[in-house]
Amino acid sequence: MSPVRAVLFDRDGTLVHDVPYNAAPERVRPVEGAREALDALRARGIRLGVVTNQSGVARGLLTEADVRRVNKRVEELLGPFDVRAFCPHGPDDGCPCRKPRPGMILDAADRLGVDPADCVVVGDIGSDVEAACRAGAHAVLVPTPVTRPEETAAAPHVARDLPAAVRMILDGPPWEAPGGAPALGLYADAEHARVASGRAGRLPAGPDTAPPRTRRYL
């Protein structure tokens, strides 16, 4: 049996296909195999959560009510989650919950009544991995076309897709010591990277003069 007690998922790009600053529940599309993978975890008694940065709220592009409506649609399609959390702030707001800071991970673990060391965070970018490591949790990276090569190289565990990540968790891999990788600071400058055409819900990391299709977002 897997030693993992809870799995916390990033939302956009991990559980569902990313839609920039999505405020429309009807645009939610789960990634392939997501429902079956989550049901496999539920069948083992593993608690599930969603932890997602949503700085489109800070930017005025959607409201917290919009985020909750989209989250509700995610649950309608993928089944219930035991805990849900989102950070509405931008990268300059100093919020301790905003990934790659560990606040959402620690809060979710506390609400579930589990130790962070018994949690796995699954996400598609470096800030998901770094937030897990800072919280003392484990991490599995599921790269997408916008995941940076150095993020993939630094991740402690990498899976080709969401079902593969769940199989890895259920098979009980020899987890490294929590927080052992990646080295903190790898993603510090940008906190994480997203290409604007394929990743949303974040603000630019800093001065940005790149064309819109290649601009990186947080």
Protein backbone atom coordinates (compact mmCIF):
# COMPACT_ATOMS: atom_id res chain seq x y z
CA MET A 1 0.00 0.00 0.00
CA SER A 2 1.21 3.48 -0.75
CA PRO A 3 2.64 5.34 2.27
CA VAL A 4 1.20 8.59 0.89
CA ARG A 5 -1.75 10.00 2.83
CA ALA A 6 -2.62 12.98 0.63
CA VAL A 7 -1.96 14.23 -2.89
CA LEU A 8 -2.22 17.93 -3.67
CA PHE A 9 -2.61 18.90 -7.32
CA ASP A 10 -1.95 22.08 -9.20
CA ARG A 11 -5.04 22.86 -11.27
CA ASP A 12 -4.30 24.53 -14.61
CA GLY A 13 -2.01 22.49 -16.84
CA THR A 14 -2.08 19.56 -14.40
CA LEU A 15 -5.68 18.49 -13.77
CA VAL A 16 -7.26 20.48 -16.60
CA HIS A 17 -6.02 22.01 -19.80
CA ASP A 18 -4.90 25.55 -19.21
CA VAL A 19 -7.15 28.37 -20.37
CA PRO A 20 -5.61 31.83 -19.83
CA TYR A 21 -7.32 33.61 -16.94
CA ASN A 22 -10.30 31.29 -17.17
CA ALA A 23 -13.53 32.63 -15.67
CA ALA A 24 -15.81 30.33 -17.68
CA PRO A 25 -16.71 26.92 -16.21
CA GLU A 26 -17.80 25.68 -19.63
CA ARG A 27 -14.22 25.97 -20.85
CA VAL A 28 -12.88 23.46 -18.31
CA ARG A 29 -11.45 20.34 -19.99
CA PRO A 30 -9.75 17.66 -17.89
CA VAL A 31 -6.46 16.22 -19.09
CA GLU A 32 -6.66 12.70 -20.47
CA GLY A 33 -7.15 10.04 -17.83
CA ALA A 34 -7.60 12.50 -14.98
CA ARG A 35 -10.87 11.15 -13.56
CA GLU A 36 -9.69 7.54 -13.59
CA ALA A 37 -6.38 8.48 -11.98
CA LEU A 38 -8.05 10.44 -9.19
CA ASP A 39 -10.56 7.66 -8.58
CA ALA A 40 -7.65 5.23 -8.16
CA LEU A 41 -6.29 7.42 -5.38
CA ARG A 42 -9.71 7.71 -3.75
CA ALA A 43 -10.07 3.93 -3.85
CA ARG A 44 -6.89 3.67 -1.75
CA GLY A 45 -8.23 6.10 0.82
CA ILE A 46 -5.77 8.83 -0.16
CA ARG A 47 -7.01 12.34 0.45
CA LEU A 48 -7.03 14.78 -2.47
CA GLY A 49 -6.58 18.53 -2.74
CA VAL A 50 -6.18 21.33 -5.26
CA VAL A 51 -3.71 24.17 -4.65
CA THR A 52 -3.57 26.80 -7.37
CA ASN A 53 -2.16 30.27 -7.95
CA GLN A 54 -4.80 32.54 -9.49
CA SER A 55 -3.22 35.95 -9.83
CA GLY A 56 -5.71 36.88 -12.53
CA VAL A 57 -7.77 38.03 -9.54
CA ALA A 58 -5.05 40.49 -8.50
CA ARG A 59 -4.80 41.65 -12.09
CA GLY A 60 -8.53 42.34 -12.31
CA LEU A 61 -9.14 39.77 -15.04
CA LEU A 62 -11.41 37.55 -12.99
CA THR A 63 -12.98 37.49 -9.54
CA GLU A 64 -12.69 35.10 -6.63
CA ALA A 65 -16.26 34.05 -7.42
CA ASP A 66 -15.11 33.17 -10.95
CA VAL A 67 -12.34 30.99 -9.52
CA ARG A 68 -14.82 29.20 -7.28
CA ARG A 69 -17.20 28.58 -10.21
CA VAL A 70 -14.38 27.08 -12.26
CA ASN A 71 -13.28 24.98 -9.28
CA LYS A 72 -16.85 23.72 -8.91
CA ARG A 73 -16.86 22.63 -12.54
CA VAL A 74 -13.54 20.85 -12.03
CA GLU A 75 -15.15 18.86 -9.21
CA GLU A 76 -18.20 18.08 -11.31
CA LEU A 77 -15.93 16.54 -13.93
CA LEU A 78 -13.25 14.97 -11.75
CA GLY A 79 -15.04 14.15 -8.52
CA PRO A 80 -14.76 15.60 -5.02
CA PHE A 81 -11.63 16.98 -3.40
CA ASP A 82 -11.07 16.99 0.34
CA VAL A 83 -9.46 20.42 0.36
CA ARG A 84 -9.28 23.31 -2.10
CA ALA A 85 -7.12 26.42 -1.92
CA PHE A 86 -6.19 29.22 -4.26
CA CYS A 87 -4.00 32.28 -3.94
CA PRO A 88 -5.49 35.38 -5.61
CA HIS A 89 -2.37 37.52 -5.19
CA GLY A 90 0.35 38.59 -7.59
CA PRO A 91 4.07 37.88 -7.25
CA ASP A 92 4.79 41.32 -5.79
CA ASP A 93 2.18 41.07 -3.04
CA GLY A 94 4.39 39.12 -0.65
CA CYS A 95 1.75 36.47 -0.02
CA PRO A 96 3.17 33.46 1.86
CA CYS A 97 0.62 31.16 0.19
CA ARG A 98 1.61 31.89 -3.38
CA LYS A 99 3.68 29.09 -4.90
CA PRO A 100 6.67 28.65 -4.82
CA ARG A 101 6.14 29.69 -1.19
CA PRO A 102 4.81 26.80 0.89
CA GLY A 103 1.78 28.38 2.56
CA MET A 104 -0.95 26.63 0.57
CA ILE A 105 0.76 23.25 0.95
CA LEU A 106 1.16 23.64 4.70
CA ASP A 107 -2.41 24.89 5.13
CA ALA A 108 -3.87 22.07 3.05
CA ALA A 109 -1.94 19.46 5.01
CA ASP A 110 -3.10 21.00 8.28
CA ARG A 111 -6.73 21.03 7.15
CA LEU A 112 -6.43 17.38 6.15
CA GLY A 113 -4.81 16.48 9.46
CA VAL A 114 -1.71 14.99 7.82
CA ASP A 115 1.98 15.69 8.05
CA PRO A 116 3.40 17.47 4.96
CA ALA A 117 5.99 14.66 4.76
CA ASP A 118 3.09 12.30 4.00
CA CYS A 119 1.90 14.47 1.10
CA VAL A 120 2.82 14.54 -2.57
CA VAL A 121 2.39 17.65 -4.69
CA VAL A 122 1.78 17.07 -8.40
CA GLY A 123 2.29 19.97 -10.78
CA ASP A 124 3.64 20.95 -14.15
CA ILE A 125 6.14 23.68 -13.32
CA GLY A 126 9.03 24.45 -11.02
CA SER A 127 7.09 26.53 -8.52
CA ASP A 128 4.88 23.53 -7.72
CA VAL A 129 7.98 21.45 -6.99
CA GLU A 130 9.68 24.19 -4.98
CA ALA A 131 6.56 24.84 -2.88
CA ALA A 132 6.42 21.14 -2.04
CA CYS A 133 10.09 21.04 -1.09
CA ARG A 134 9.80 24.14 1.09
CA ALA A 135 6.83 22.59 2.87
CA GLY A 136 8.67 19.32 3.50
CA ALA A 137 6.41 17.41 1.09
CA HIS A 138 7.30 15.24 -1.88
CA ALA A 139 6.82 16.32 -5.49
CA VAL A 140 6.13 14.84 -8.90
CA LEU A 141 6.53 17.03 -11.97
CA VAL A 142 4.38 16.33 -15.03
CA PRO A 143 6.02 18.46 -17.73
CA THR A 144 4.08 20.26 -20.44
CA PRO A 145 5.49 22.00 -23.51
CA VAL A 146 6.01 25.15 -21.44
CA THR A 147 7.92 23.49 -18.60
CA ARG A 148 11.50 24.70 -18.57
CA PRO A 149 14.17 22.04 -19.18
CA GLU A 150 15.98 23.05 -15.99
CA GLU A 151 12.76 22.57 -14.03
CA THR A 152 12.43 19.04 -15.35
CA ALA A 153 16.09 18.28 -14.69
CA ALA A 154 15.85 19.51 -11.09
CA ALA A 155 12.59 17.75 -10.17
CA PRO A 156 12.97 14.82 -7.76
CA HIS A 157 10.40 12.75 -9.68
CA VAL A 158 9.08 13.21 -13.22
CA ALA A 159 6.10 11.48 -14.87
CA ARG A 160 5.10 11.67 -18.51
CA ASP A 161 1.43 12.36 -17.74
CA LEU A 162 -1.05 12.53 -14.86
CA PRO A 163 -2.00 8.82 -14.86
CA ALA A 164 1.71 7.92 -14.79
CA ALA A 165 2.24 10.26 -11.83
CA VAL A 166 -0.58 8.57 -9.95
CA ARG A 167 0.79 5.11 -10.72
CA MET A 168 4.15 6.25 -9.38
CA ILE A 169 2.49 7.41 -6.15
CA LEU A 170 0.44 4.24 -5.74
CA ASP A 171 3.46 2.03 -6.38
CA GLY A 172 5.21 3.74 -3.48
CA PRO A 173 8.56 4.88 -4.93
CA PRO A 174 11.56 5.27 -2.63
CA TRP A 175 10.90 8.93 -1.89
CA GLU A 176 13.92 11.08 -1.27
CA ALA A 177 14.14 13.00 1.98
CA PRO A 178 11.42 15.70 1.79
CA GLY A 179 12.75 18.94 0.48
CA GLY A 180 15.86 17.31 -0.93
CA ALA A 181 15.39 18.64 -4.44
CA PRO A 182 15.35 20.90 -6.24
CA ALA A 183 17.76 23.40 -4.77
CA LEU A 184 15.85 26.41 -3.55
CA GLY A 185 16.49 29.43 -5.67
CA LEU A 186 16.38 27.61 -9.01
CA TYR A 187 13.05 29.27 -9.69
CA ALA A 188 13.52 32.31 -7.47
CA ASP A 189 13.79 34.93 -10.19
CA ALA A 190 10.54 34.04 -11.91
CA GLU A 191 8.97 31.85 -9.21
CA HIS A 192 7.95 29.76 -12.20
CA ALA A 193 7.57 30.18 -15.92
CA ARG A 194 4.59 30.02 -18.23
CA VAL A 195 4.37 30.94 -21.86
CA ALA A 196 1.50 33.40 -22.29
CA SER A 197 -0.06 31.46 -25.12
CA GLY A 198 -0.23 28.32 -23.04
CA ARG A 199 -0.24 29.30 -19.38
CA ALA A 200 -2.23 31.85 -17.44
CA GLY A 201 -3.28 33.04 -14.04
CA ARG A 202 0.06 34.63 -13.26
CA LEU A 203 1.62 38.05 -13.60
CA PRO A 204 4.86 38.81 -15.43
CA ALA A 205 7.95 38.10 -13.36
CA GLY A 206 9.37 41.53 -13.98
CA PRO A 207 10.16 43.96 -16.78
CA ASP A 208 8.89 42.25 -19.89
CA THR A 209 9.55 43.39 -23.40
CA ALA A 210 9.11 40.04 -25.15
CA PRO A 211 6.38 39.60 -27.78
CA PRO A 212 3.09 38.39 -26.27
CA ARG A 213 3.39 34.84 -27.63
CA THR A 214 6.73 34.31 -25.90
CA ARG A 215 6.14 36.31 -22.75
CA ARG A 216 6.57 34.33 -19.56
CA TYR A 217 3.92 34.62 -16.87
CA LEU A 218 3.73 33.71 -13.22
